[in-house]
Amino acid sequence: MARQRLSVLVAAVLVAAAGSAANANTVGFNDGWQPVDGMGNLINGWSYNVNPGGGISSSLSGDHSTLTITYTADTNQTPLSIFFEHYGAGLQTGLVSYHWELTVGQSASWRFETGLAVPADGFLGAGTYDGDISVAYTAGGYFDYGNIRSYDNGATATLVLSDFVVVDGVPEPATLALLGASLAGLGILRRRARR
């Protein structure tokens, strides 16, 4: 319950931060940013790029606040490299921000990319890793919710994305500063909540 209130508060702050600098905002996985329907079917131009023997599935919570992506690799296939991607029209230019949580099933050399950034790279022990990300996106370009690579046979991973907000257009410097402060504060509150 506290996490939901915190997510709503952060989304409200981000939308307010956009102010006059933005023409429209997207809160949650909505509009063209919604990648799957209620049955997990791909929609709005999103696609999977799966290596032979690999598998991927995704689901969206009923309120469109949480996207869960599960990756698996064939035990005979190495390395695992699976993309959940969008390339082309349908997404507006803007600043895309969200929280990511990656759980890897076994210790291995992992590379996790999302939104054209690389939040986790190198040897990771089995466990859960998380953080907040904010990236600028230009309409018509490439965007991925999750590119997972592992150099371990039979690797598995689960990626959970939440607190998704898109501030449309190019925010002013003050907006970016407020956004950065909001994301930093969210990270601090999450760490305190876990103690």
Protein backbone atom coordinates (compact mmCIF):
# COMPACT_ATOMS: atom_id res chain seq x y z
CA MET A 1 0.00 0.00 0.00
CA ALA A 2 2.81 2.42 0.93
CA ARG A 3 4.63 1.52 -2.31
CA GLN A 4 1.50 2.30 -4.37
CA ARG A 5 1.11 5.70 -2.65
CA LEU A 6 4.80 6.41 -3.24
CA SER A 7 4.50 5.48 -6.93
CA VAL A 8 1.47 7.71 -7.37
CA LEU A 9 3.24 10.57 -5.57
CA VAL A 10 6.35 10.26 -7.74
CA ALA A 11 4.23 10.12 -10.91
CA ALA A 12 2.38 13.25 -9.79
CA VAL A 13 5.65 15.07 -9.09
CA LEU A 14 7.04 14.09 -12.49
CA VAL A 15 3.89 15.22 -14.29
CA ALA A 16 3.88 18.48 -12.35
CA ALA A 17 7.57 18.95 -13.14
CA ALA A 18 6.77 18.81 -16.82
CA GLY A 19 4.60 21.93 -16.42
CA SER A 20 4.51 24.15 -19.47
CA ALA A 21 7.49 22.37 -21.01
CA ALA A 22 5.34 19.40 -21.97
CA ASN A 23 2.37 19.08 -24.26
CA ALA A 24 1.25 15.72 -22.93
CA ASN A 25 2.33 13.10 -20.44
CA THR A 26 2.01 9.36 -20.14
CA VAL A 27 1.80 7.80 -16.69
CA GLY A 28 1.95 4.03 -16.57
CA PHE A 29 2.32 1.70 -19.55
CA ASN A 30 -0.39 3.38 -21.64
CA ASP A 31 -0.98 4.67 -25.16
CA GLY A 32 1.76 3.52 -27.56
CA TRP A 33 3.95 2.59 -24.58
CA GLN A 34 1.62 -0.30 -23.71
CA PRO A 35 3.44 -3.34 -25.15
CA VAL A 36 0.97 -6.15 -24.42
CA ASP A 37 -2.75 -6.59 -23.93
CA GLY A 38 -4.41 -8.32 -20.98
CA MET A 39 -3.60 -11.74 -22.48
CA GLY A 40 0.10 -10.98 -22.99
CA ASN A 41 -0.25 -10.54 -26.76
CA LEU A 42 2.09 -7.97 -28.33
CA ILE A 43 0.43 -4.73 -29.45
CA ASN A 44 1.34 -1.18 -30.57
CA GLY A 45 4.36 -2.23 -32.63
CA TRP A 46 6.27 -4.01 -29.86
CA SER A 47 8.06 -7.26 -30.72
CA TYR A 48 10.34 -9.95 -29.33
CA ASN A 49 13.70 -10.89 -30.78
CA VAL A 50 14.48 -14.36 -29.44
CA ASN A 51 17.58 -16.44 -30.11
CA PRO A 52 17.05 -20.12 -31.04
CA GLY A 53 16.01 -22.11 -27.99
CA GLY A 54 15.26 -19.04 -25.90
CA GLY A 55 11.94 -17.95 -24.54
CA ILE A 56 10.28 -14.74 -23.40
CA SER A 57 6.89 -13.87 -21.96
CA SER A 58 5.45 -10.69 -20.53
CA SER A 59 2.43 -9.51 -18.61
CA LEU A 60 0.99 -6.14 -17.68
CA SER A 61 -0.85 -5.50 -14.42
CA GLY A 62 -4.52 -4.62 -14.75
CA ASP A 63 -3.88 -0.98 -13.84
CA HIS A 64 -0.97 -0.76 -16.34
CA SER A 65 1.48 0.14 -13.56
CA THR A 66 3.79 -2.91 -13.66
CA LEU A 67 5.32 -4.75 -16.61
CA THR A 68 6.85 -8.17 -15.88
CA ILE A 69 9.12 -9.87 -18.43
CA THR A 70 10.47 -13.41 -18.00
CA TYR A 71 13.47 -14.69 -19.98
CA THR A 72 14.63 -18.30 -20.35
CA ALA A 73 17.38 -19.96 -22.38
CA ASP A 74 17.71 -23.46 -23.76
CA THR A 75 20.36 -25.40 -21.83
CA ASN A 76 22.15 -26.01 -25.14
CA GLN A 77 22.07 -22.38 -26.26
CA THR A 78 24.76 -19.88 -25.31
CA PRO A 79 24.83 -16.99 -25.00
CA LEU A 80 21.30 -16.00 -24.11
CA SER A 81 20.35 -12.81 -25.96
CA ILE A 82 16.70 -11.81 -26.00
CA PHE A 83 15.24 -8.40 -26.82
CA PHE A 84 11.85 -6.86 -26.03
CA GLU A 85 11.89 -4.01 -28.51
CA HIS A 86 10.12 -1.29 -30.47
CA TYR A 87 11.45 0.30 -33.63
CA GLY A 88 9.57 2.83 -35.71
CA ALA A 89 6.52 5.05 -35.39
CA GLY A 90 4.09 5.13 -32.51
CA LEU A 91 6.09 6.49 -29.57
CA GLN A 92 6.34 10.19 -28.83
CA THR A 93 9.58 12.08 -28.24
CA GLY A 94 10.16 12.65 -24.55
CA LEU A 95 11.95 11.83 -21.34
CA VAL A 96 11.18 8.24 -20.27
CA SER A 97 11.65 7.30 -16.62
CA TYR A 98 10.94 4.14 -14.64
CA HIS A 99 12.13 1.77 -11.93
CA TRP A 100 13.68 -1.58 -12.89
CA GLU A 101 14.18 -4.73 -10.84
CA LEU A 102 16.17 -7.61 -12.36
CA THR A 103 16.26 -11.05 -10.76
CA VAL A 104 18.80 -13.47 -12.23
CA GLY A 105 18.45 -17.19 -11.57
CA GLN A 106 22.15 -18.04 -11.38
CA SER A 107 25.54 -16.42 -11.12
CA ALA A 108 26.89 -15.60 -14.56
CA SER A 109 28.22 -12.83 -16.75
CA TRP A 110 25.14 -10.74 -17.49
CA ARG A 111 24.41 -7.68 -19.58
CA PHE A 112 21.07 -5.95 -19.10
CA GLU A 113 20.07 -3.08 -21.40
CA THR A 114 16.91 -1.03 -21.31
CA GLY A 115 15.84 2.19 -22.96
CA LEU A 116 19.23 2.41 -24.71
CA ALA A 117 21.04 2.45 -21.35
CA VAL A 118 23.03 -0.31 -19.63
CA PRO A 119 22.05 -0.51 -15.95
CA ALA A 120 23.79 -3.83 -15.23
CA ASP A 121 26.82 -5.36 -16.92
CA GLY A 122 29.42 -7.93 -15.89
CA PHE A 123 29.44 -10.82 -13.44
CA LEU A 124 26.32 -10.86 -11.25
CA GLY A 125 25.63 -13.34 -8.50
CA ALA A 126 22.20 -14.96 -8.39
CA GLY A 127 19.80 -12.48 -6.82
CA THR A 128 17.86 -9.29 -7.37
CA TYR A 129 19.20 -5.93 -8.52
CA ASP A 130 17.27 -2.69 -9.00
CA GLY A 131 17.53 0.97 -9.83
CA ASP A 132 15.87 3.95 -11.49
CA ILE A 133 16.47 5.05 -15.05
CA SER A 134 15.70 8.15 -17.09
CA VAL A 135 16.47 8.34 -20.81
CA ALA A 136 15.66 10.74 -23.63
CA TYR A 137 13.79 9.13 -26.49
CA THR A 138 13.27 10.46 -30.04
CA ALA A 139 10.13 9.41 -31.92
CA GLY A 140 10.75 6.79 -34.60
CA GLY A 141 13.90 5.45 -32.94
CA TYR A 142 14.73 2.16 -31.26
CA PHE A 143 13.66 1.50 -27.67
CA ASP A 144 13.86 -1.68 -25.62
CA TYR A 145 12.20 -2.61 -22.36
CA GLY A 146 14.73 -5.34 -21.84
CA ASN A 147 17.71 -6.79 -23.67
CA ILE A 148 19.10 -9.66 -21.64
CA ARG A 149 22.39 -11.35 -22.44
CA SER A 150 24.03 -14.10 -20.43
CA TYR A 151 26.97 -16.37 -21.13
CA ASP A 152 25.60 -19.24 -19.09
CA ASN A 153 23.61 -22.18 -20.47
CA GLY A 154 20.05 -22.41 -19.20
CA ALA A 155 20.08 -18.87 -17.81
CA THR A 156 16.85 -17.38 -16.48
CA ALA A 157 15.92 -13.84 -15.55
CA THR A 158 12.84 -11.85 -14.56
CA LEU A 159 12.57 -8.11 -15.14
CA VAL A 160 9.91 -6.01 -13.41
CA LEU A 161 9.38 -2.41 -14.54
CA SER A 162 7.24 0.11 -12.63
CA ASP A 163 6.75 3.84 -11.94
CA PHE A 164 6.69 4.46 -15.70
CA VAL A 165 6.35 8.10 -16.83
CA VAL A 166 6.95 9.81 -20.17
CA VAL A 167 7.30 13.60 -20.20
CA ASP A 168 6.46 14.61 -23.76
CA GLY A 169 8.75 16.94 -25.67
CA VAL A 170 12.13 18.26 -24.55
CA PRO A 171 11.97 19.36 -20.91
CA GLU A 172 13.62 22.58 -19.77
CA PRO A 173 16.73 22.36 -17.53
CA ALA A 174 14.69 23.11 -14.38
CA THR A 175 12.34 20.25 -15.26
CA LEU A 176 15.25 17.87 -15.68
CA ALA A 177 16.67 18.95 -12.32
CA LEU A 178 13.34 18.32 -10.58
CA LEU A 179 13.01 14.98 -12.32
CA GLY A 180 16.49 13.95 -11.19
CA ALA A 181 15.76 15.01 -7.61
CA SER A 182 12.48 13.06 -7.65
CA LEU A 183 14.15 9.88 -8.90
CA ALA A 184 17.00 10.22 -6.38
CA GLY A 185 14.48 10.68 -3.56
CA LEU A 186 12.54 7.64 -4.70
CA GLY A 187 15.70 5.53 -4.60
CA ILE A 188 16.51 6.68 -1.06
CA LEU A 189 12.97 5.95 0.15
CA ARG A 190 13.07 2.46 -1.39
CA ARG A 191 16.38 1.64 0.31
CA ARG A 192 15.06 2.85 3.68
CA ALA A 193 11.88 0.80 3.25
CA ARG A 194 13.94 -2.38 2.80
CA ARG A 195 15.86 -1.94 6.07
